[in-house]
C-alpha atoms as a PDB file:
ATOM      1  CA  MET A   1     110.313  71.877  15.728  1.00  0.00           C
ATOM      2  CA  PRO A   2     113.290  74.309  15.707  1.00  0.00           C
ATOM      3  CA  LYS A   3     116.708  72.695  16.224  1.00  0.00           C
ATOM      4  CA  ASN A   4     117.317  74.409  19.594  1.00  0.00           C
ATOM      5  CA  ILE A   5     114.038  73.057  21.045  1.00  0.00           C
ATOM      6  CA  LEU A   6     114.985  69.662  22.470  1.00  0.00           C
ATOM      7  CA  THR A   7     111.602  68.810  24.028  1.00  0.00           C
ATOM      8  CA  ASP A   8     108.113  70.272  23.832  1.00  0.00           C
ATOM      9  CA  ALA A   9     105.862  67.993  25.850  1.00  0.00           C
ATOM     10  CA  GLU A  10     102.680  68.126  27.875  1.00  0.00           C
ATOM     11  CA  VAL A  11     103.131  66.957  31.468  1.00  0.00           C
ATOM     12  CA  LYS A  12     100.812  66.403  34.395  1.00  0.00           C
ATOM     13  CA  LEU A  13     101.463  66.433  38.124  1.00  0.00           C
ATOM     14  CA  THR A  14     100.952  62.913  39.474  1.00  0.00           C
ATOM     15  CA  GLY A  15     101.432  63.287  43.209  1.00  0.00           C
ATOM     16  CA  TYR A  16      98.128  62.885  45.100  1.00  0.00           C
ATOM     17  CA  LEU A  17      98.063  66.410  46.623  1.00  0.00           C
ATOM     18  CA  SER A  18      99.719  68.057  43.603  1.00  0.00           C
ATOM     19  CA  GLU A  19      97.237  66.590  41.159  1.00  0.00           C
ATOM     20  CA  LYS A  20      94.352  67.511  43.451  1.00  0.00           C
ATOM     21  CA  LYS A  21      95.538  71.136  43.788  1.00  0.00           C
ATOM     22  CA  TYR A  22      96.425  71.567  40.109  1.00  0.00           C
ATOM     23  CA  PRO A  23      94.738  69.022  37.823  1.00  0.00           C
ATOM     24  CA  GLU A  24      95.599  70.876  34.589  1.00  0.00           C
ATOM     25  CA  THR A  25      98.517  69.901  32.372  1.00  0.00           C
ATOM     26  CA  PHE A  26     101.710  71.888  31.967  1.00  0.00           C
ATOM     27  CA  ARG A  27     104.042  72.286  29.067  1.00  0.00           C
ATOM     28  CA  LEU A  28     107.655  71.158  29.504  1.00  0.00           C
ATOM     29  CA  ILE A  29     110.130  72.737  27.133  1.00  0.00           C
ATOM     30  CA  ARG A  30     113.833  71.885  26.986  1.00  0.00           C
ATOM     31  CA  PHE A  31     115.813  74.501  25.121  1.00  0.00           C
ATOM     32  CA  TYR A  32     119.466  74.592  24.065  1.00  0.00           C
ATOM     33  CA  ASP A  33     120.957  78.082  24.034  1.00  0.00           C
ATOM     34  CA  GLU A  34     123.819  78.121  21.510  1.00  0.00           C
ATOM     35  CA  GLU A  35     124.962  81.567  22.701  1.00  0.00           C
ATOM     36  CA  ASP A  36     125.694  80.355  26.235  1.00  0.00           C
ATOM     37  CA  ASP A  37     126.202  76.676  25.331  1.00  0.00           C
ATOM     38  CA  GLN A  38     123.664  75.790  28.001  1.00  0.00           C
ATOM     39  CA  GLU A  39     120.476  73.750  28.232  1.00  0.00           C
ATOM     40  CA  PHE A  40     117.376  75.118  29.972  1.00  0.00           C
ATOM     41  CA  THR A  41     114.151  73.453  31.069  1.00  0.00           C
ATOM     42  CA  PHE A  42     110.975  75.515  31.320  1.00  0.00           C
ATOM     43  CA  ILE A  43     107.601  74.520  32.740  1.00  0.00           C
ATOM     44  CA  THR A  44     104.720  76.743  31.716  1.00  0.00           C
ATOM     45  CA  ASN A  45     100.976  76.807  31.248  1.00  0.00           C
ATOM     46  CA  ALA A  46     101.348  78.985  28.110  1.00  0.00           C
ATOM     47  CA  LYS A  47     100.074  76.583  25.473  1.00  0.00           C
ATOM     48  CA  HIS A  48      99.061  79.204  22.917  1.00  0.00           C
ATOM     49  CA  ILE A  49     102.588  80.295  21.911  1.00  0.00           C
ATOM     50  CA  THR A  50     105.470  78.467  20.273  1.00  0.00           C
ATOM     51  CA  ALA A  51     108.159  76.706  22.285  1.00  0.00           C
ATOM     52  CA  ASN A  52     110.717  79.118  20.839  1.00  0.00           C
ATOM     53  CA  ASP A  53     108.651  82.099  22.079  1.00  0.00           C
ATOM     54  CA  VAL A  54     108.491  80.559  25.568  1.00  0.00           C
ATOM     55  CA  ALA A  55     112.283  80.145  25.608  1.00  0.00           C
ATOM     56  CA  ASN A  56     112.823  83.722  24.399  1.00  0.00           C
ATOM     57  CA  LEU A  57     110.415  85.126  26.998  1.00  0.00           C
ATOM     58  CA  TYR A  58     112.207  83.306  29.810  1.00  0.00           C
ATOM     59  CA  LYS A  59     115.560  84.467  28.489  1.00  0.00           C
ATOM     60  CA  LYS A  60     114.370  88.096  28.406  1.00  0.00           C
ATOM     61  CA  ARG A  61     112.824  87.706  31.853  1.00  0.00           C
ATOM     62  CA  TRP A  62     116.188  86.503  33.160  1.00  0.00           C
ATOM     63  CA  LEU A  63     117.860  89.577  31.655  1.00  0.00           C
ATOM     64  CA  VAL A  64     115.352  91.766  33.529  1.00  0.00           C
ATOM     65  CA  GLU A  65     116.165  89.883  36.762  1.00  0.00           C
ATOM     66  CA  LEU A  66     119.903  90.413  36.175  1.00  0.00           C
ATOM     67  CA  PHE A  67     119.292  94.102  35.459  1.00  0.00           C
ATOM     68  CA  PHE A  68     117.439  94.590  38.761  1.00  0.00           C
ATOM     69  CA  LYS A  69     120.145  92.644  40.613  1.00  0.00           C
ATOM     70  CA  TRP A  70     122.748  94.993  39.100  1.00  0.00           C
ATOM     71  CA  LEU A  71     120.632  98.013  40.089  1.00  0.00           C
ATOM     72  CA  LYS A  72     120.360  96.845  43.683  1.00  0.00           C
ATOM     73  CA  GLN A  73     124.079  96.044  43.949  1.00  0.00           C
ATOM     74  CA  HIS A  74     125.493  99.120  42.253  1.00  0.00           C
ATOM     75  CA  LEU A  75     122.980 101.923  42.597  1.00  0.00           C
ATOM     76  CA  LYS A  76     121.874 101.290  46.170  1.00  0.00           C
ATOM     77  CA  ILE A  77     118.201 101.953  45.403  1.00  0.00           C
ATOM     78  CA  LYS A  78     116.449 100.831  48.571  1.00  0.00           C
ATOM     79  CA  ARG A  79     112.944 101.921  47.608  1.00  0.00           C
ATOM     80  CA  PHE A  80     111.239 103.796  44.818  1.00  0.00           C
ATOM     81  CA  TRP A  81     109.986 107.288  45.664  1.00  0.00           C
ATOM     82  CA  GLY A  82     107.076 107.129  43.234  1.00  0.00           C
ATOM     83  CA  THR A  83     104.787 104.344  42.081  1.00  0.00           C
ATOM     84  CA  THR A  84     104.068 105.351  38.497  1.00  0.00           C
ATOM     85  CA  GLU A  85     106.091 103.886  35.648  1.00  0.00           C
ATOM     86  CA  ASN A  86     107.434 107.352  34.835  1.00  0.00           C
ATOM     87  CA  ALA A  87     108.599 107.948  38.436  1.00  0.00           C
ATOM     88  CA  VAL A  88     110.413 104.598  38.534  1.00  0.00           C
ATOM     89  CA  ARG A  89     112.020 105.234  35.132  1.00  0.00           C
ATOM     90  CA  ILE A  90     113.220 108.683  36.236  1.00  0.00           C
ATOM     91  CA  GLN A  91     114.692 107.361  39.499  1.00  0.00           C
ATOM     92  CA  ILE A  92     116.477 104.493  37.723  1.00  0.00           C
ATOM     93  CA  SER A  93     117.745 106.868  35.008  1.00  0.00           C
ATOM     94  CA  VAL A  94     119.082 109.342  37.571  1.00  0.00           C
ATOM     95  CA  ALA A  95     120.759 106.521  39.507  1.00  0.00           C
ATOM     96  CA  ILE A  96     122.382 105.113  36.338  1.00  0.00           C
ATOM     97  CA  ILE A  97     123.569 108.578  35.248  1.00  0.00           C
ATOM     98  CA  THR A  98     124.988 109.199  38.729  1.00  0.00           C
ATOM     99  CA  TYR A  99     126.765 105.836  38.705  1.00  0.00           C
ATOM    100  CA  CYS A 100     128.227 106.503  35.240  1.00  0.00           C
ATOM    101  CA  LEU A 101     129.452 109.977  36.196  1.00  0.00           C
ATOM    102  CA  VAL A 102     131.102 108.622  39.346  1.00  0.00           C
ATOM    103  CA  ALA A 103     132.695 105.793  37.330  1.00  0.00           C
ATOM    104  CA  ILE A 104     134.016 108.357  34.808  1.00  0.00           C
ATOM    105  CA  VAL A 105     135.524 110.473  37.611  1.00  0.00           C
ATOM    106  CA  GLN A 106     137.043 107.343  39.156  1.00  0.00           C
ATOM    107  CA  HIS A 107     138.494 106.203  35.815  1.00  0.00           C
ATOM    108  CA  ASP A 108     139.741 109.565  34.552  1.00  0.00           C
ATOM    109  CA  MET A 109     141.382 110.467  37.851  1.00  0.00           C
ATOM    110  CA  LYS A 110     142.837 106.949  38.131  1.00  0.00           C
ATOM    111  CA  LEU A 111     141.575 106.746  41.705  1.00  0.00           C
ATOM    112  CA  ASN A 112     142.571 103.746  43.741  1.00  0.00           C
ATOM    113  CA  ARG A 113     139.199 103.661  45.516  1.00  0.00           C
ATOM    114  CA  SER A 114     135.980 101.724  44.983  1.00  0.00           C
ATOM    115  CA  THR A 115     133.124 103.364  43.124  1.00  0.00           C
ATOM    116  CA  TYR A 116     131.192 103.283  46.402  1.00  0.00           C
ATOM    117  CA  GLU A 117     133.955 105.232  48.198  1.00  0.00           C
ATOM    118  CA  VAL A 118     134.119 107.819  45.414  1.00  0.00           C
ATOM    119  CA  LEU A 119     130.327 108.210  45.527  1.00  0.00           C
ATOM    120  CA  GLN A 120     130.342 108.676  49.297  1.00  0.00           C
ATOM    121  CA  ILE A 121     133.164 111.250  49.200  1.00  0.00           C
ATOM    122  CA  LEU A 122     131.406 113.195  46.454  1.00  0.00           C
ATOM    123  CA  SER A 123     128.040 113.027  48.206  1.00  0.00           C
ATOM    124  CA  ILE A 124     129.319 114.676  51.397  1.00  0.00           C
ATOM    125  CA  SER A 125     131.306 117.237  49.400  1.00  0.00           C
ATOM    126  CA  LEU A 126     128.593 118.489  47.048  1.00  0.00           C
ATOM    127  CA  THR A 127     128.924 122.122  48.132  1.00  0.00           C
ATOM    128  CA  ASP A 128     132.674 121.983  48.779  1.00  0.00           C
ATOM    129  CA  LYS A 129     134.733 124.055  46.329  1.00  0.00           C
ATOM    130  CA  THR A 130     137.918 122.033  46.857  1.00  0.00           C
ATOM    131  CA  HIS A 131     139.428 120.679  43.633  1.00  0.00           C
ATOM    132  CA  LEU A 132     138.579 116.987  43.205  1.00  0.00           C
ATOM    133  CA  SER A 133     142.189 115.812  43.124  1.00  0.00           C
ATOM    134  CA  ILE A 134     142.872 117.498  46.478  1.00  0.00           C
ATOM    135  CA  LEU A 135     139.578 116.248  47.887  1.00  0.00           C
ATOM    136  CA  PHE A 136     140.412 112.623  47.081  1.00  0.00           C
ATOM    137  CA  GLU A 137     144.017 112.936  48.300  1.00  0.00           C
ATOM    138  CA  LYS A 138     142.983 114.298  51.697  1.00  0.00           C
ATOM    139  CA  THR A 139     139.813 112.311  52.372  1.00  0.00           C
ATOM    140  CA  ASN A 140     140.031 109.153  54.417  1.00  0.00           C
ATOM    141  CA  PHE A 141     137.102 106.825  53.728  1.00  0.00           C
ATOM    142  CA  ASN A 142     136.615 106.102  57.445  1.00  0.00           C
ATOM    143  CA  ASP A 143     136.130 109.838  58.026  1.00  0.00           C
ATOM    144  CA  VAL A 144     133.456 109.830  55.318  1.00  0.00           C
ATOM    145  CA  LYS A 145     131.530 107.056  57.065  1.00  0.00           C
ATOM    146  CA  GLU A 146     131.485 109.066  60.286  1.00  0.00           C
ATOM    147  CA  GLN A 147     130.247 112.226  58.527  1.00  0.00           C
ATOM    148  CA  LEU A 148     127.182 110.652  56.901  1.00  0.00           C
ATOM    149  CA  ASP A 149     124.202 112.433  58.405  1.00  0.00           C
ATOM    150  CA  PRO A 150     121.437 110.064  59.568  1.00  0.00           C
ATOM    151  CA  LEU A 151     119.110 113.066  59.991  1.00  0.00           C
ATOM    152  CA  ILE A 152     118.528 113.102  56.239  1.00  0.00           C
ATOM    153  CA  PRO A 153     117.509 109.512  55.391  1.00  0.00           C
ATOM    154  CA  GLY A 154     117.609 108.485  51.755  1.00  0.00           C
ATOM    155  CA  LEU A 155     119.760 111.422  50.661  1.00  0.00           C
ATOM    156  CA  TYR A 156     122.566 109.192  49.461  1.00  0.00           C
ATOM    157  CA  ILE A 157     122.009 106.787  46.607  1.00  0.00           C
END
């Protein structure tokens, strides 16, 4: 057993209703992650793979969860426009590129505004030919909130 696998045991539910509903055994794996100096406990029915593979799968799954949390918090994707893998990839890619470009503008111009504010100001000024420095100097964020057009839902990321 690898040194970071603390326990790899077969367990069974013993409560009357639990055992009745799921009589099969589970696998309990305790894993020590040296990178994060943290211990994890996993319960799985995957008996055909190694304990180390189970731990790595859960770790990668957690990274995917964190990625989607970041997407929801920063990119304001409320729903996906398409259902195919390609459509989802394109929408996520466009949202990430947009976020990065806004962050670059915010950083390079040393703006004292949140990334969200910068994104909102830029989104209502897409066809405006005013220089960005003047645009950000003269735009009050509260004015931006009032100008958002509810007639075009989903236009803003």
